[in-house]
PDB file of all heavy atoms in Angstrom:
ATOM      1  N   ASN A   1      88.711  85.971  93.405  1.00  0.00           N
ATOM      2  CA  ASN A   1      90.121  85.936  93.475  1.00  0.00           C
ATOM      3  C   ASN A   1      90.609  85.273  92.170  1.00  0.00           C
ATOM      4  O   ASN A   1      90.539  84.089  92.001  1.00  0.00           O
ATOM      5  CB  ASN A   1      90.429  85.020  94.716  1.00  0.00           C
ATOM      6  CG  ASN A   1      91.913  85.050  95.019  1.00  0.00           C
ATOM      7  OD1 ASN A   1      92.775  84.987  93.957  1.00  0.00           O
ATOM      8  ND2 ASN A   1      92.292  85.011  96.254  1.00  0.00           N
ATOM      9  N   LEU A   2      91.038  86.237  91.294  1.00  0.00           N
ATOM     10  CA  LEU A   2      91.438  85.655  89.981  1.00  0.00           C
ATOM     11  C   LEU A   2      92.662  84.798  90.015  1.00  0.00           C
ATOM     12  O   LEU A   2      92.802  83.841  89.190  1.00  0.00           O
ATOM     13  CB  LEU A   2      91.693  86.874  89.068  1.00  0.00           C
ATOM     14  CG  LEU A   2      90.593  87.727  88.718  1.00  0.00           C
ATOM     15  CD1 LEU A   2      90.944  88.714  87.620  1.00  0.00           C
ATOM     16  CD2 LEU A   2      89.573  86.838  88.120  1.00  0.00           C
ATOM     17  N   ARG A   3      93.586  84.910  91.063  1.00  0.00           N
ATOM     18  CA  ARG A   3      94.693  83.976  91.245  1.00  0.00           C
ATOM     19  C   ARG A   3      94.220  82.565  91.377  1.00  0.00           C
ATOM     20  O   ARG A   3      94.707  81.609  90.806  1.00  0.00           O
ATOM     21  CB  ARG A   3      95.571  84.474  92.253  1.00  0.00           C
ATOM     22  CG  ARG A   3      96.384  85.771  91.945  1.00  0.00           C
ATOM     23  CD  ARG A   3      97.392  86.014  92.971  1.00  0.00           C
ATOM     24  NE  ARG A   3      98.166  87.208  92.660  1.00  0.00           N
ATOM     25  CZ  ARG A   3      99.162  87.705  93.350  1.00  0.00           C
ATOM     26  NH1 ARG A   3      99.515  87.036  94.566  1.00  0.00           N
ATOM     27  NH2 ARG A   3      99.841  88.733  93.021  1.00  0.00           N
ATOM     28  N   GLU A   4      93.118  82.415  92.242  1.00  0.00           N
ATOM     29  CA  GLU A   4      92.646  81.128  92.562  1.00  0.00           C
ATOM     30  C   GLU A   4      91.979  80.559  91.259  1.00  0.00           C
ATOM     31  O   GLU A   4      92.047  79.386  90.902  1.00  0.00           O
ATOM     32  CB  GLU A   4      91.676  81.158  93.702  1.00  0.00           C
ATOM     33  CG  GLU A   4      92.317  81.525  95.027  1.00  0.00           C
ATOM     34  CD  GLU A   4      91.192  81.424  96.115  1.00  0.00           C
ATOM     35  OE1 GLU A   4      90.006  81.375  95.787  1.00  0.00           O
ATOM     36  OE2 GLU A   4      91.719  81.646  97.233  1.00  0.00           O
ATOM     37  N   GLN A   5      91.388  81.482  90.483  1.00  0.00           N
ATOM     38  CA  GLN A   5      90.718  81.039  89.238  1.00  0.00           C
ATOM     39  C   GLN A   5      91.810  80.538  88.301  1.00  0.00           C
ATOM     40  O   GLN A   5      91.532  79.631  87.443  1.00  0.00           O
ATOM     41  CB  GLN A   5      89.730  82.142  88.556  1.00  0.00           C
ATOM     42  CG  GLN A   5      88.540  82.261  89.313  1.00  0.00           C
ATOM     43  CD  GLN A   5      87.613  83.127  88.644  1.00  0.00           C
ATOM     44  OE1 GLN A   5      87.426  84.285  88.894  1.00  0.00           O
ATOM     45  NE2 GLN A   5      86.809  82.585  87.666  1.00  0.00           N
ATOM     46  N   VAL A   6      92.867  81.269  88.163  1.00  0.00           N
ATOM     47  CA  VAL A   6      94.042  80.897  87.365  1.00  0.00           C
ATOM     48  C   VAL A   6      94.518  79.527  87.723  1.00  0.00           C
ATOM     49  O   VAL A   6      94.718  78.638  86.871  1.00  0.00           O
ATOM     50  CB  VAL A   6      95.108  81.935  87.374  1.00  0.00           C
ATOM     51  CG1 VAL A   6      96.396  81.427  86.742  1.00  0.00           C
ATOM     52  CG2 VAL A   6      94.696  83.306  86.790  1.00  0.00           C
ATOM     53  N   ALA A   7      94.686  79.349  89.016  1.00  0.00           N
ATOM     54  CA  ALA A   7      95.216  78.020  89.542  1.00  0.00           C
ATOM     55  C   ALA A   7      94.315  76.831  89.318  1.00  0.00           C
ATOM     56  O   ALA A   7      94.703  75.763  88.957  1.00  0.00           O
ATOM     57  CB  ALA A   7      95.469  78.150  91.106  1.00  0.00           C
ATOM     58  N   SER A   8      92.936  77.144  89.204  1.00  0.00           N
ATOM     59  CA  SER A   8      91.908  76.082  88.922  1.00  0.00           C
ATOM     60  C   SER A   8      91.733  75.901  87.459  1.00  0.00           C
ATOM     61  O   SER A   8      91.003  75.062  86.987  1.00  0.00           O
ATOM     62  CB  SER A   8      90.663  76.406  89.652  1.00  0.00           C
ATOM     63  OG  SER A   8      90.088  77.575  89.031  1.00  0.00           O
ATOM     64  N   GLY A   9      92.192  76.768  86.561  1.00  0.00           N
ATOM     65  CA  GLY A   9      92.044  76.733  85.109  1.00  0.00           C
ATOM     66  C   GLY A   9      90.832  77.419  84.574  1.00  0.00           C
ATOM     67  O   GLY A   9      90.591  77.409  83.429  1.00  0.00           O
ATOM     68  N   ALA A  10      90.107  78.155  85.474  1.00  0.00           N
ATOM     69  CA  ALA A  10      88.949  78.880  84.990  1.00  0.00           C
ATOM     70  C   ALA A  10      89.313  80.216  84.421  1.00  0.00           C
ATOM     71  O   ALA A  10      88.388  80.874  83.878  1.00  0.00           O
ATOM     72  CB  ALA A  10      88.034  79.116  86.243  1.00  0.00           C
ATOM     73  N   PHE A  11      90.487  80.726  84.620  1.00  0.00           N
ATOM     74  CA  PHE A  11      90.826  82.061  84.017  1.00  0.00           C
ATOM     75  C   PHE A  11      92.381  81.933  83.484  1.00  0.00           C
ATOM     76  O   PHE A  11      93.247  81.273  84.178  1.00  0.00           O
ATOM     77  CB  PHE A  11      90.783  83.072  85.063  1.00  0.00           C
ATOM     78  CG  PHE A  11      90.572  84.468  84.567  1.00  0.00           C
ATOM     79  CD1 PHE A  11      89.407  84.971  84.186  1.00  0.00           C
ATOM     80  CD2 PHE A  11      91.823  85.262  84.345  1.00  0.00           C
ATOM     81  CE1 PHE A  11      89.349  86.278  83.685  1.00  0.00           C
ATOM     82  CE2 PHE A  11      91.672  86.633  83.747  1.00  0.00           C
ATOM     83  CZ  PHE A  11      90.383  87.103  83.543  1.00  0.00           C
ATOM     84  N   ARG A  12      92.621  82.480  82.320  1.00  0.00           N
ATOM     85  CA  ARG A  12      93.846  82.327  81.725  1.00  0.00           C
ATOM     86  C   ARG A  12      94.858  83.284  82.510  1.00  0.00           C
ATOM     87  O   ARG A  12      94.710  84.471  82.749  1.00  0.00           O
ATOM     88  CB  ARG A  12      93.798  82.912  80.313  1.00  0.00           C
ATOM     89  CG  ARG A  12      92.980  82.089  79.387  1.00  0.00           C
ATOM     90  CD  ARG A  12      92.980  82.702  77.927  1.00  0.00           C
ATOM     91  NE  ARG A  12      94.248  82.749  77.377  1.00  0.00           N
ATOM     92  CZ  ARG A  12      94.671  82.018  76.407  1.00  0.00           C
ATOM     93  NH1 ARG A  12      93.950  81.103  75.913  1.00  0.00           N
ATOM     94  NH2 ARG A  12      95.969  82.179  76.062  1.00  0.00           N
ATOM     95  N   ALA A  13      95.989  82.625  82.742  1.00  0.00           N
ATOM     96  CA  ALA A  13      97.094  83.330  83.502  1.00  0.00           C
ATOM     97  C   ALA A  13      97.656  84.560  82.645  1.00  0.00           C
ATOM     98  O   ALA A  13      97.905  85.568  83.264  1.00  0.00           O
ATOM     99  CB  ALA A  13      98.191  82.289  83.733  1.00  0.00           C
ATOM    100  N   ASP A  14      97.803  84.337  81.312  1.00  0.00           N
ATOM    101  CA  ASP A  14      98.301  85.437  80.580  1.00  0.00           C
ATOM    102  C   ASP A  14      97.449  86.601  80.506  1.00  0.00           C
ATOM    103  O   ASP A  14      97.837  87.803  80.514  1.00  0.00           O
ATOM    104  CB  ASP A  14      98.616  84.978  79.149  1.00  0.00           C
ATOM    105  CG  ASP A  14      97.692  84.065  78.532  1.00  0.00           C
ATOM    106  OD1 ASP A  14      96.521  83.900  79.127  1.00  0.00           O
ATOM    107  OD2 ASP A  14      97.905  83.558  77.362  1.00  0.00           O
ATOM    108  N   LEU A  15      96.135  86.423  80.483  1.00  0.00           N
ATOM    109  CA  LEU A  15      95.172  87.468  80.554  1.00  0.00           C
ATOM    110  C   LEU A  15      95.061  88.165  82.022  1.00  0.00           C
ATOM    111  O   LEU A  15      95.044  89.305  82.018  1.00  0.00           O
ATOM    112  CB  LEU A  15      93.708  86.940  80.177  1.00  0.00           C
ATOM    113  CG  LEU A  15      92.607  87.965  80.245  1.00  0.00           C
ATOM    114  CD1 LEU A  15      92.907  89.168  79.258  1.00  0.00           C
ATOM    115  CD2 LEU A  15      91.271  87.339  79.932  1.00  0.00           C
ATOM    116  N   TYR A  16      95.254  87.254  82.883  1.00  0.00           N
ATOM    117  CA  TYR A  16      95.299  87.947  84.230  1.00  0.00           C
ATOM    118  C   TYR A  16      96.430  88.846  84.412  1.00  0.00           C
ATOM    119  O   TYR A  16      96.209  90.016  84.923  1.00  0.00           O
ATOM    120  CB  TYR A  16      95.386  86.792  85.328  1.00  0.00           C
ATOM    121  CG  TYR A  16      95.794  87.260  86.667  1.00  0.00           C
ATOM    122  CD1 TYR A  16      94.858  88.005  87.541  1.00  0.00           C
ATOM    123  CD2 TYR A  16      96.951  87.075  87.225  1.00  0.00           C
ATOM    124  CE1 TYR A  16      95.159  88.495  88.684  1.00  0.00           C
ATOM    125  CE2 TYR A  16      97.318  87.505  88.420  1.00  0.00           C
ATOM    126  CZ  TYR A  16      96.331  88.261  89.101  1.00  0.00           C
ATOM    127  OH  TYR A  16      96.768  88.719  90.507  1.00  0.00           O
ATOM    128  N   HIS A  17      97.558  88.556  83.888  1.00  0.00           N
ATOM    129  CA  HIS A  17      98.738  89.371  84.088  1.00  0.00           C
ATOM    130  C   HIS A  17      98.575  90.591  83.216  1.00  0.00           C
ATOM    131  O   HIS A  17      99.062  91.696  83.602  1.00  0.00           O
ATOM    132  CB  HIS A  17     100.011  88.665  83.621  1.00  0.00           C
ATOM    133  CG  HIS A  17     100.288  87.503  84.686  1.00  0.00           C
ATOM    134  ND1 HIS A  17     100.601  87.764  86.032  1.00  0.00           N
ATOM    135  CD2 HIS A  17     100.558  86.266  84.488  1.00  0.00           C
ATOM    136  CE1 HIS A  17     100.854  86.566  86.589  1.00  0.00           C
ATOM    137  NE2 HIS A  17     100.856  85.583  85.732  1.00  0.00           N
ATOM    138  N   ARG A  18      97.908  90.512  82.041  1.00  0.00           N
ATOM    139  CA  ARG A  18      97.653  91.630  81.143  1.00  0.00           C
ATOM    140  C   ARG A  18      96.746  92.558  81.793  1.00  0.00           C
ATOM    141  O   ARG A  18      96.855  93.749  81.731  1.00  0.00           O
ATOM    142  CB  ARG A  18      97.276  91.235  79.828  1.00  0.00           C
ATOM    143  CG  ARG A  18      96.868  92.163  78.731  1.00  0.00           C
ATOM    144  CD  ARG A  18      98.039  92.921  78.324  1.00  0.00           C
ATOM    145  NE  ARG A  18      99.058  92.056  77.608  1.00  0.00           N
ATOM    146  CZ  ARG A  18     100.118  92.615  76.867  1.00  0.00           C
ATOM    147  NH1 ARG A  18     100.357  93.786  76.825  1.00  0.00           N
ATOM    148  NH2 ARG A  18     100.830  91.680  76.251  1.00  0.00           N
ATOM    149  N   LEU A  19      95.557  92.124  82.391  1.00  0.00           N
ATOM    150  CA  LEU A  19      94.667  93.016  82.930  1.00  0.00           C
ATOM    151  C   LEU A  19      95.089  93.612  84.296  1.00  0.00           C
ATOM    152  O   LEU A  19      94.750  94.712  84.684  1.00  0.00           O
ATOM    153  CB  LEU A  19      93.395  92.140  83.297  1.00  0.00           C
ATOM    154  CG  LEU A  19      92.511  91.752  82.070  1.00  0.00           C
ATOM    155  CD1 LEU A  19      91.420  90.901  82.659  1.00  0.00           C
ATOM    156  CD2 LEU A  19      91.867  93.032  81.494  1.00  0.00           C
ATOM    157  N   SER A  20      95.931  92.888  84.978  1.00  0.00           N
ATOM    158  CA  SER A  20      96.410  93.350  86.416  1.00  0.00           C
ATOM    159  C   SER A  20      97.684  94.147  86.365  1.00  0.00           C
ATOM    160  O   SER A  20      98.467  93.938  87.289  1.00  0.00           O
ATOM    161  CB  SER A  20      96.424  92.222  87.366  1.00  0.00           C
ATOM    162  OG  SER A  20      97.425  91.227  86.911  1.00  0.00           O
ATOM    163  N   VAL A  21      97.930  94.852  85.233  1.00  0.00           N
ATOM    164  CA  VAL A  21      99.228  95.655  85.148  1.00  0.00           C
ATOM    165  C   VAL A  21      99.147  96.685  86.462  1.00  0.00           C
ATOM    166  O   VAL A  21     100.162  96.836  87.008  1.00  0.00           O
ATOM    167  CB  VAL A  21      99.210  96.398  83.816  1.00  0.00           C
ATOM    168  CG1 VAL A  21     100.356  97.461  83.875  1.00  0.00           C
ATOM    169  CG2 VAL A  21      99.492  95.465  82.725  1.00  0.00           C
ATOM    170  N   TYR A  22      98.044  97.070  86.667  1.00  0.00           N
ATOM    171  CA  TYR A  22      97.909  98.059  87.885  1.00  0.00           C
ATOM    172  C   TYR A  22      96.674  97.644  88.595  1.00  0.00           C
ATOM    173  O   TYR A  22      95.552  98.159  88.356  1.00  0.00           O
ATOM    174  CB  TYR A  22      97.790  99.486  87.430  1.00  0.00           C
ATOM    175  CG  TYR A  22      98.140 100.474  88.618  1.00  0.00           C
ATOM    176  CD1 TYR A  22      99.417 100.995  88.678  1.00  0.00           C
ATOM    177  CD2 TYR A  22      97.248 100.700  89.597  1.00  0.00           C
ATOM    178  CE1 TYR A  22      99.718 101.870  89.733  1.00  0.00           C
ATOM    179  CE2 TYR A  22      97.569 101.522  90.586  1.00  0.00           C
ATOM    180  CZ  TYR A  22      98.809 102.131  90.734  1.00  0.00           C
ATOM    181  OH  TYR A  22      99.101 102.838  91.823  1.00  0.00           O
ATOM    182  N   PRO A  23      96.842  96.676  89.657  1.00  0.00           N
ATOM    183  CA  PRO A  23      95.676  96.397  90.533  1.00  0.00           C
ATOM    184  C   PRO A  23      95.310  97.469  91.453  1.00  0.00           C
ATOM    185  O   PRO A  23      96.359  97.909  92.070  1.00  0.00           O
ATOM    186  CB  PRO A  23      96.103  94.930  91.076  1.00  0.00           C
ATOM    187  CG  PRO A  23      97.594  95.084  91.055  1.00  0.00           C
ATOM    188  CD  PRO A  23      98.028  95.946  89.923  1.00  0.00           C
ATOM    189  N   VAL A  24      94.101  97.695  91.753  1.00  0.00           N
ATOM    190  CA  VAL A  24      93.644  98.681  92.700  1.00  0.00           C
ATOM    191  C   VAL A  24      92.650  98.092  93.702  1.00  0.00           C
ATOM    192  O   VAL A  24      91.459  97.881  93.306  1.00  0.00           O
ATOM    193  CB  VAL A  24      93.032  99.953  92.038  1.00  0.00           C
ATOM    194  CG1 VAL A  24      92.597 100.946  93.137  1.00  0.00           C
ATOM    195  CG2 VAL A  24      94.081 100.708  91.035  1.00  0.00           C
ATOM    196  N   PRO A  25      93.111  97.695  94.938  1.00  0.00           N
ATOM    197  CA  PRO A  25      92.161  97.128  95.836  1.00  0.00           C
ATOM    198  C   PRO A  25      91.221  98.275  96.441  1.00  0.00           C
ATOM    199  O   PRO A  25      91.756  99.332  96.800  1.00  0.00           O
ATOM    200  CB  PRO A  25      93.059  96.644  96.987  1.00  0.00           C
ATOM    201  CG  PRO A  25      94.450  96.658  96.413  1.00  0.00           C
ATOM    202  CD  PRO A  25      94.425  97.645  95.420  1.00  0.00           C
ATOM    203  N   ILE A  26      89.910  98.048  96.441  1.00  0.00           N
ATOM    204  CA  ILE A  26      89.058  99.093  97.020  1.00  0.00           C
ATOM    205  C   ILE A  26      88.686  98.595  98.441  1.00  0.00           C
ATOM    206  O   ILE A  26      88.173  97.556  98.593  1.00  0.00           O
ATOM    207  CB  ILE A  26      87.713  99.219  96.196  1.00  0.00           C
ATOM    208  CG1 ILE A  26      88.141  99.635  94.791  1.00  0.00           C
ATOM    209  CG2 ILE A  26      86.767 100.091  96.686  1.00  0.00           C
ATOM    210  CD1 ILE A  26      87.070  99.684  93.826  1.00  0.00           C
ATOM    211  N   PRO A  27      88.812  99.489  99.467  1.00  0.00           N
ATOM    212  CA  PRO A  27      88.685  98.994 100.766  1.00  0.00           C
ATOM    213  C   PRO A  27      87.153  98.784 101.066  1.00  0.00           C
ATOM    214  O   PRO A  27      86.282  99.500 100.567  1.00  0.00           O
ATOM    215  CB  PRO A  27      89.208 100.233 101.738  1.00  0.00           C
ATOM    216  CG  PRO A  27      89.054 101.408 100.803  1.00  0.00           C
ATOM    217  CD  PRO A  27      89.292 100.816  99.398  1.00  0.00           C
ATOM    218  N   PRO A  28      86.863  97.767 101.827  1.00  0.00           N
ATOM    219  CA  PRO A  28      85.385  97.491 102.191  1.00  0.00           C
ATOM    220  C   PRO A  28      84.877  98.544 103.195  1.00  0.00           C
ATOM    221  O   PRO A  28      85.773  99.218 103.830  1.00  0.00           O
ATOM    222  CB  PRO A  28      85.462  96.135 102.810  1.00  0.00           C
ATOM    223  CG  PRO A  28      86.872  96.014 103.387  1.00  0.00           C
ATOM    224  CD  PRO A  28      87.727  96.768 102.373  1.00  0.00           C
ATOM    225  N   LEU A  29      83.673  98.694 103.322  1.00  0.00           N
ATOM    226  CA  LEU A  29      83.057  99.819 104.158  1.00  0.00           C
ATOM    227  C   LEU A  29      83.536  99.632 105.547  1.00  0.00           C
ATOM    228  O   LEU A  29      83.687 100.656 106.277  1.00  0.00           O
ATOM    229  CB  LEU A  29      81.617  99.844 104.022  1.00  0.00           C
ATOM    230  CG  LEU A  29      80.801 100.877 104.830  1.00  0.00           C
ATOM    231  CD1 LEU A  29      81.306 102.271 104.331  1.00  0.00           C
ATOM    232  CD2 LEU A  29      79.311 100.750 104.422  1.00  0.00           C
ATOM    233  N   ARG A  30      83.679  98.335 106.003  1.00  0.00           N
ATOM    234  CA  ARG A  30      84.014  98.148 107.507  1.00  0.00           C
ATOM    235  C   ARG A  30      85.528  98.862 107.830  1.00  0.00           C
ATOM    236  O   ARG A  30      85.782  98.839 108.958  1.00  0.00           O
ATOM    237  CB  ARG A  30      83.917  96.812 107.900  1.00  0.00           C
ATOM    238  CG  ARG A  30      84.906  95.860 107.056  1.00  0.00           C
ATOM    239  CD  ARG A  30      84.713  94.463 107.463  1.00  0.00           C
ATOM    240  NE  ARG A  30      85.466  93.608 106.491  1.00  0.00           N
ATOM    241  CZ  ARG A  30      84.977  93.137 105.353  1.00  0.00           C
ATOM    242  NH1 ARG A  30      83.714  93.513 105.050  1.00  0.00           N
ATOM    243  NH2 ARG A  30      85.649  92.308 104.635  1.00  0.00           N
ATOM    244  N   GLU A  31      86.321  99.113 106.854  1.00  0.00           N
ATOM    245  CA  GLU A  31      87.651  99.647 107.002  1.00  0.00           C
ATOM    246  C   GLU A  31      87.690 101.174 106.785  1.00  0.00           C
ATOM    247  O   GLU A  31      88.754 101.729 106.762  1.00  0.00           O
ATOM    248  CB  GLU A  31      88.598  98.990 106.103  1.00  0.00           C
ATOM    249  CG  GLU A  31      88.811  97.406 106.361  1.00  0.00           C
ATOM    250  CD  GLU A  31      89.794  96.830 105.439  1.00  0.00           C
ATOM    251  OE1 GLU A  31      90.337  97.583 104.535  1.00  0.00           O
ATOM    252  OE2 GLU A  31      89.953  95.660 105.412  1.00  0.00           O
ATOM    253  N   ARG A  32      86.519 101.799 106.636  1.00  0.00           N
ATOM    254  CA  ARG A  32      86.486 103.173 106.276  1.00  0.00           C
ATOM    255  C   ARG A  32      85.937 104.130 107.442  1.00  0.00           C
ATOM    256  O   ARG A  32      85.664 105.213 107.380  1.00  0.00           O
ATOM    257  CB  ARG A  32      85.574 103.465 104.988  1.00  0.00           C
ATOM    258  CG  ARG A  32      86.338 102.889 103.821  1.00  0.00           C
ATOM    259  CD  ARG A  32      85.381 102.988 102.601  1.00  0.00           C
ATOM    260  NE  ARG A  32      84.831 104.392 102.430  1.00  0.00           N
ATOM    261  CZ  ARG A  32      84.107 104.747 101.456  1.00  0.00           C
ATOM    262  NH1 ARG A  32      83.679 103.833 100.545  1.00  0.00           N
ATOM    263  NH2 ARG A  32      83.717 106.004 101.283  1.00  0.00           N
ATOM    264  N   GLY A  33      85.873 103.422 108.657  1.00  0.00           N
ATOM    265  CA  GLY A  33      85.492 104.289 109.850  1.00  0.00           C
ATOM    266  C   GLY A  33      84.282 104.977 109.806  1.00  0.00           C
ATOM    267  O   GLY A  33      83.230 104.450 109.468  1.00  0.00           O
ATOM    268  N   ASN A  34      84.302 106.305 110.047  1.00  0.00           N
ATOM    269  CA  ASN A  34      83.128 107.208 110.085  1.00  0.00           C
ATOM    270  C   ASN A  34      82.608 107.329 108.835  1.00  0.00           C
ATOM    271  O   ASN A  34      81.417 108.059 108.640  1.00  0.00           O
ATOM    272  CB  ASN A  34      83.545 108.535 110.851  1.00  0.00           C
ATOM    273  CG  ASN A  34      83.495 108.555 112.294  1.00  0.00           C
ATOM    274  OD1 ASN A  34      82.698 107.724 112.896  1.00  0.00           O
ATOM    275  ND2 ASN A  34      84.281 109.263 112.937  1.00  0.00           N
ATOM    276  N   ASP A  35      83.097 106.979 107.624  1.00  0.00           N
ATOM    277  CA  ASP A  35      82.568 107.024 106.413  1.00  0.00           C
ATOM    278  C   ASP A  35      81.156 106.513 106.233  1.00  0.00           C
ATOM    279  O   ASP A  35      80.237 106.935 105.555  1.00  0.00           O
ATOM    280  CB  ASP A  35      83.439 106.438 105.243  1.00  0.00           C
ATOM    281  CG  ASP A  35      84.511 107.330 104.911  1.00  0.00           C
ATOM    282  OD1 ASP A  35      84.753 108.451 105.495  1.00  0.00           O
ATOM    283  OD2 ASP A  35      85.372 106.875 104.057  1.00  0.00           O
TER     284      ASP A  35
END
């Protein structure tokens, strides 16, 4: 969770915003049914 890392100072907020211009969550297997 990069937001938590930003809050704790372990990750730069400006870099987080630059990298997450387009965040894409990948669903876990348990949410993919018969897959």
